[in-house]
Amino acid sequence: MLIDKYSQHVYHVAYSVLRNDQEAQDAAQEAFIQMYKSLPEYRSEGFKTWLTRIAFHKAIDAKRKLGRRSSEDLGGEERIINLPGSEEDILARLVREERKETLRERINQLPAQHREIITAYYLSEKNYEQIAHDAQVAVKTVESRLYRARQWIRSHWKEDEWRE
């Protein structure tokens, strides 16, 4: 059931690192094997985030192996390492995107007047002035609408649903 639910996501994580279909499929399979082996250590944190880390690290391992193979093909004289500039940057981006998607789903359940201001500020990442200009209202109106929307969220959502 977990494989059916997360196979596309795990494949995309691996492919974003490897940029090769077959290698990404292999890394995804390795990630699910590792997930199964590591389930006893799972600490009930975000499951998708945990699985994403496993997939990411398996893809990095595969990338390193590819780099070693390429180096050996050249006679071992040149060392080729095909790692992205910063492994943590990719993982951080994936986690941030996952959180944003979860937030989008939650925001879609908000009352319309709150949904618009929260979407503009948090998802579109507009500042108060931009939102005021788009809505043709005063900046103070944007501030008060955002305040009321945050208050609504605090009173209607569990804390772990809006804080991370």
C-alpha atoms as a PDB file:
ATOM      1  CA  MET A   1       0.000   0.000   0.000  1.00  0.00           C
ATOM      2  CA  LEU A   2       2.851   2.403   0.854  1.00  0.00           C
ATOM      3  CA  ILE A   3       4.605   1.654  -2.416  1.00  0.00           C
ATOM      4  CA  ASP A   4       1.434   2.341  -4.391  1.00  0.00           C
ATOM      5  CA  LYS A   5       0.894   5.608  -2.562  1.00  0.00           C
ATOM      6  CA  TYR A   6       4.464   6.971  -2.694  1.00  0.00           C
ATOM      7  CA  SER A   7       6.125   5.324  -5.713  1.00  0.00           C
ATOM      8  CA  GLN A   8       5.699   8.340  -8.017  1.00  0.00           C
ATOM      9  CA  HIS A   9       6.986  10.743  -5.378  1.00  0.00           C
ATOM     10  CA  VAL A  10      10.029   8.580  -4.571  1.00  0.00           C
ATOM     11  CA  TYR A  11      10.795   8.150  -8.266  1.00  0.00           C
ATOM     12  CA  HIS A  12      10.616  11.927  -8.845  1.00  0.00           C
ATOM     13  CA  VAL A  13      12.973  12.566  -5.932  1.00  0.00           C
ATOM     14  CA  ALA A  14      15.466  10.052  -7.304  1.00  0.00           C
ATOM     15  CA  TYR A  15      15.095  11.338 -10.852  1.00  0.00           C
ATOM     16  CA  SER A  16      15.707  14.941  -9.743  1.00  0.00           C
ATOM     17  CA  VAL A  17      19.144  13.838  -8.555  1.00  0.00           C
ATOM     18  CA  LEU A  18      20.064  11.230 -11.164  1.00  0.00           C
ATOM     19  CA  ARG A  19      18.403  12.532 -14.353  1.00  0.00           C
ATOM     20  CA  ASN A  20      18.296   8.964 -15.682  1.00  0.00           C
ATOM     21  CA  ASP A  21      15.114   6.875 -15.796  1.00  0.00           C
ATOM     22  CA  GLN A  22      16.641   3.455 -15.103  1.00  0.00           C
ATOM     23  CA  GLU A  23      18.955   4.720 -12.375  1.00  0.00           C
ATOM     24  CA  ALA A  24      16.044   6.582 -10.745  1.00  0.00           C
ATOM     25  CA  GLN A  25      13.889   3.439 -10.808  1.00  0.00           C
ATOM     26  CA  ASP A  26      16.704   1.454  -9.194  1.00  0.00           C
ATOM     27  CA  ALA A  27      17.260   4.111  -6.541  1.00  0.00           C
ATOM     28  CA  ALA A  28      13.513   4.250  -5.825  1.00  0.00           C
ATOM     29  CA  GLN A  29      13.451   0.494  -5.346  1.00  0.00           C
ATOM     30  CA  GLU A  30      16.439   0.730  -3.007  1.00  0.00           C
ATOM     31  CA  ALA A  31      14.643   3.478  -1.077  1.00  0.00           C
ATOM     32  CA  PHE A  32      11.599   1.275  -0.479  1.00  0.00           C
ATOM     33  CA  ILE A  33      13.820  -1.603   0.659  1.00  0.00           C
ATOM     34  CA  GLN A  34      15.574   0.780   3.067  1.00  0.00           C
ATOM     35  CA  MET A  35      12.216   2.141   4.235  1.00  0.00           C
ATOM     36  CA  TYR A  36      11.038  -1.378   5.070  1.00  0.00           C
ATOM     37  CA  LYS A  37      14.246  -2.131   6.964  1.00  0.00           C
ATOM     38  CA  SER A  38      14.090   1.179   8.843  1.00  0.00           C
ATOM     39  CA  LEU A  39      10.409   1.133   9.841  1.00  0.00           C
ATOM     40  CA  PRO A  40      11.218   0.040  13.434  1.00  0.00           C
ATOM     41  CA  GLU A  41      13.275   3.237  13.873  1.00  0.00           C
ATOM     42  CA  TYR A  42      10.585   5.507  12.387  1.00  0.00           C
ATOM     43  CA  ARG A  43       9.642   8.158  14.996  1.00  0.00           C
ATOM     44  CA  SER A  44       6.167   9.191  13.811  1.00  0.00           C
ATOM     45  CA  GLU A  45       7.409  12.392  12.233  1.00  0.00           C
ATOM     46  CA  GLY A  46       6.250  13.370   8.748  1.00  0.00           C
ATOM     47  CA  PHE A  47       6.257  10.024   6.926  1.00  0.00           C
ATOM     48  CA  LYS A  48       6.532  11.513   3.449  1.00  0.00           C
ATOM     49  CA  THR A  49       9.427  13.727   4.552  1.00  0.00           C
ATOM     50  CA  TRP A  50      11.175  10.744   6.134  1.00  0.00           C
ATOM     51  CA  LEU A  51      10.695   8.676   2.986  1.00  0.00           C
ATOM     52  CA  THR A  52      11.883  11.614   0.860  1.00  0.00           C
ATOM     53  CA  ARG A  53      15.139  11.732   2.852  1.00  0.00           C
ATOM     54  CA  ILE A  54      15.676   8.018   2.321  1.00  0.00           C
ATOM     55  CA  ALA A  55      15.005   8.331  -1.419  1.00  0.00           C
ATOM     56  CA  PHE A  56      17.250  11.365  -1.694  1.00  0.00           C
ATOM     57  CA  HIS A  57      20.149   9.628   0.055  1.00  0.00           C
ATOM     58  CA  LYS A  58      19.726   6.475  -2.050  1.00  0.00           C
ATOM     59  CA  ALA A  59      19.820   8.634  -5.191  1.00  0.00           C
ATOM     60  CA  ILE A  60      22.974  10.377  -3.947  1.00  0.00           C
ATOM     61  CA  ASP A  61      24.554   6.979  -3.277  1.00  0.00           C
ATOM     62  CA  ALA A  62      23.665   5.864  -6.807  1.00  0.00           C
ATOM     63  CA  LYS A  63      25.079   9.115  -8.203  1.00  0.00           C
ATOM     64  CA  ARG A  64      28.353   8.495  -6.365  1.00  0.00           C
ATOM     65  CA  LYS A  65      28.534   4.956  -7.753  1.00  0.00           C
ATOM     66  CA  LEU A  66      27.984   6.314 -11.255  1.00  0.00           C
ATOM     67  CA  GLY A  67      30.777   8.811 -10.666  1.00  0.00           C
ATOM     68  CA  ARG A  68      33.152   6.055  -9.550  1.00  0.00           C
ATOM     69  CA  ARG A  69      32.243   3.931 -12.571  1.00  0.00           C
ATOM     70  CA  SER A  70      32.895   6.865 -14.906  1.00  0.00           C
ATOM     71  CA  SER A  71      36.217   7.479 -13.209  1.00  0.00           C
ATOM     72  CA  GLU A  72      37.207   3.824 -13.568  1.00  0.00           C
ATOM     73  CA  ASP A  73      36.222   3.877 -17.247  1.00  0.00           C
ATOM     74  CA  LEU A  74      38.744   6.684 -17.749  1.00  0.00           C
ATOM     75  CA  GLY A  75      41.501   4.558 -16.278  1.00  0.00           C
ATOM     76  CA  GLY A  76      41.176   5.980 -12.796  1.00  0.00           C
ATOM     77  CA  GLU A  77      43.378   8.961 -13.643  1.00  0.00           C
ATOM     78  CA  GLU A  78      40.563  11.492 -13.466  1.00  0.00           C
ATOM     79  CA  ARG A  79      38.036  11.545 -10.677  1.00  0.00           C
ATOM     80  CA  ILE A  80      34.524  12.474 -11.795  1.00  0.00           C
ATOM     81  CA  ILE A  81      31.961  13.289  -9.153  1.00  0.00           C
ATOM     82  CA  ASN A  82      28.488  14.084 -10.397  1.00  0.00           C
ATOM     83  CA  LEU A  83      26.964  15.397  -7.191  1.00  0.00           C
ATOM     84  CA  PRO A  84      24.720  18.415  -7.106  1.00  0.00           C
ATOM     85  CA  GLY A  85      26.273  21.531  -5.643  1.00  0.00           C
ATOM     86  CA  SER A  86      24.620  21.031  -2.281  1.00  0.00           C
ATOM     87  CA  GLU A  87      22.756  17.890  -1.257  1.00  0.00           C
ATOM     88  CA  GLU A  88      20.955  19.663   1.563  1.00  0.00           C
ATOM     89  CA  ASP A  89      19.696  22.382  -0.796  1.00  0.00           C
ATOM     90  CA  ILE A  90      17.793  19.789  -2.842  1.00  0.00           C
ATOM     91  CA  LEU A  91      16.415  18.063   0.240  1.00  0.00           C
ATOM     92  CA  ALA A  92      15.442  21.381   1.820  1.00  0.00           C
ATOM     93  CA  ARG A  93      13.684  22.397  -1.405  1.00  0.00           C
ATOM     94  CA  LEU A  94      11.764  19.103  -1.524  1.00  0.00           C
ATOM     95  CA  VAL A  95      10.693  19.434   2.095  1.00  0.00           C
ATOM     96  CA  ARG A  96       9.677  23.066   1.528  1.00  0.00           C
ATOM     97  CA  GLU A  97       7.636  22.096  -1.548  1.00  0.00           C
ATOM     98  CA  GLU A  98       5.937  19.299   0.365  1.00  0.00           C
ATOM     99  CA  ARG A  99       5.011  21.676   3.185  1.00  0.00           C
ATOM    100  CA  LYS A 100       3.738  24.220   0.692  1.00  0.00           C
ATOM    101  CA  GLU A 101       1.524  21.593  -0.950  1.00  0.00           C
ATOM    102  CA  THR A 102       0.119  20.533   2.424  1.00  0.00           C
ATOM    103  CA  LEU A 103      -0.523  24.174   3.243  1.00  0.00           C
ATOM    104  CA  ARG A 104      -2.292  24.674  -0.113  1.00  0.00           C
ATOM    105  CA  GLU A 105      -4.625  21.788   0.662  1.00  0.00           C
ATOM    106  CA  ARG A 106      -5.418  23.237   4.075  1.00  0.00           C
ATOM    107  CA  ILE A 107      -5.870  26.774   2.715  1.00  0.00           C
ATOM    108  CA  ASN A 108      -8.391  25.512   0.159  1.00  0.00           C
ATOM    109  CA  GLN A 109     -10.576  24.565   3.129  1.00  0.00           C
ATOM    110  CA  LEU A 110     -10.538  28.106   4.577  1.00  0.00           C
ATOM    111  CA  PRO A 111     -13.499  30.494   4.264  1.00  0.00           C
ATOM    112  CA  ALA A 112     -13.148  32.548   1.067  1.00  0.00           C
ATOM    113  CA  GLN A 113     -12.297  35.875   2.729  1.00  0.00           C
ATOM    114  CA  HIS A 114      -9.396  34.272   4.617  1.00  0.00           C
ATOM    115  CA  ARG A 115      -8.283  32.030   1.761  1.00  0.00           C
ATOM    116  CA  GLU A 116      -7.561  34.957  -0.570  1.00  0.00           C
ATOM    117  CA  ILE A 117      -5.333  36.883   1.840  1.00  0.00           C
ATOM    118  CA  ILE A 118      -3.467  33.791   3.080  1.00  0.00           C
ATOM    119  CA  THR A 119      -2.869  32.612  -0.480  1.00  0.00           C
ATOM    120  CA  ALA A 120      -1.562  35.991  -1.580  1.00  0.00           C
ATOM    121  CA  TYR A 121       0.763  36.400   1.405  1.00  0.00           C
ATOM    122  CA  TYR A 122       2.064  32.876   2.023  1.00  0.00           C
ATOM    123  CA  LEU A 123       1.823  31.053  -1.293  1.00  0.00           C
ATOM    124  CA  SER A 124       2.251  33.892  -3.785  1.00  0.00           C
ATOM    125  CA  GLU A 125       4.739  35.468  -1.363  1.00  0.00           C
ATOM    126  CA  LYS A 126       3.454  38.974  -1.996  1.00  0.00           C
ATOM    127  CA  ASN A 127       4.151  41.754   0.486  1.00  0.00           C
ATOM    128  CA  TYR A 128       1.440  43.930   2.054  1.00  0.00           C
ATOM    129  CA  GLU A 129       1.844  46.671  -0.531  1.00  0.00           C
ATOM    130  CA  GLN A 130       1.469  44.274  -3.476  1.00  0.00           C
ATOM    131  CA  ILE A 131      -1.623  42.686  -1.958  1.00  0.00           C
ATOM    132  CA  ALA A 132      -3.131  46.117  -1.228  1.00  0.00           C
ATOM    133  CA  HIS A 133      -2.482  47.225  -4.799  1.00  0.00           C
ATOM    134  CA  ASP A 134      -4.024  44.053  -6.285  1.00  0.00           C
ATOM    135  CA  ALA A 135      -7.094  44.221  -4.022  1.00  0.00           C
ATOM    136  CA  GLN A 136      -7.328  48.011  -4.314  1.00  0.00           C
ATOM    137  CA  VAL A 137      -7.445  48.462  -0.542  1.00  0.00           C
ATOM    138  CA  ALA A 138      -5.277  50.196   2.046  1.00  0.00           C
ATOM    139  CA  VAL A 139      -2.212  48.456   3.484  1.00  0.00           C
ATOM    140  CA  LYS A 140      -3.849  48.619   6.940  1.00  0.00           C
ATOM    141  CA  THR A 141      -6.809  46.675   5.538  1.00  0.00           C
ATOM    142  CA  VAL A 142      -4.428  43.962   4.324  1.00  0.00           C
ATOM    143  CA  GLU A 143      -2.813  43.845   7.772  1.00  0.00           C
ATOM    144  CA  SER A 144      -6.149  43.474   9.554  1.00  0.00           C
ATOM    145  CA  ARG A 145      -7.436  40.840   7.100  1.00  0.00           C
ATOM    146  CA  LEU A 146      -4.252  38.838   7.510  1.00  0.00           C
ATOM    147  CA  TYR A 147      -4.516  39.159  11.297  1.00  0.00           C
ATOM    148  CA  ARG A 148      -8.132  37.912  11.267  1.00  0.00           C
ATOM    149  CA  ALA A 149      -7.232  35.015   8.950  1.00  0.00           C
ATOM    150  CA  ARG A 150      -4.375  33.968  11.253  1.00  0.00           C
ATOM    151  CA  GLN A 151      -6.690  34.159  14.271  1.00  0.00           C
ATOM    152  CA  TRP A 152      -9.228  31.972  12.465  1.00  0.00           C
ATOM    153  CA  ILE A 153      -6.525  29.408  11.679  1.00  0.00           C
ATOM    154  CA  ARG A 154      -5.292  29.376  15.283  1.00  0.00           C
ATOM    155  CA  SER A 155      -8.789  28.782  16.606  1.00  0.00           C
ATOM    156  CA  HIS A 156      -9.874  26.162  14.032  1.00  0.00           C
ATOM    157  CA  TRP A 157      -6.759  24.118  13.282  1.00  0.00           C
ATOM    158  CA  LYS A 158      -4.725  22.010  15.628  1.00  0.00           C
ATOM    159  CA  GLU A 159      -1.353  23.603  16.300  1.00  0.00           C
ATOM    160  CA  ASP A 160       0.611  20.880  14.493  1.00  0.00           C
ATOM    161  CA  GLU A 161      -1.438  21.567  11.348  1.00  0.00           C
ATOM    162  CA  TRP A 162      -0.207  25.138  10.998  1.00  0.00           C
ATOM    163  CA  ARG A 163       3.177  25.162  12.741  1.00  0.00           C
ATOM    164  CA  GLU A 164       6.274  23.457  11.386  1.00  0.00           C
END
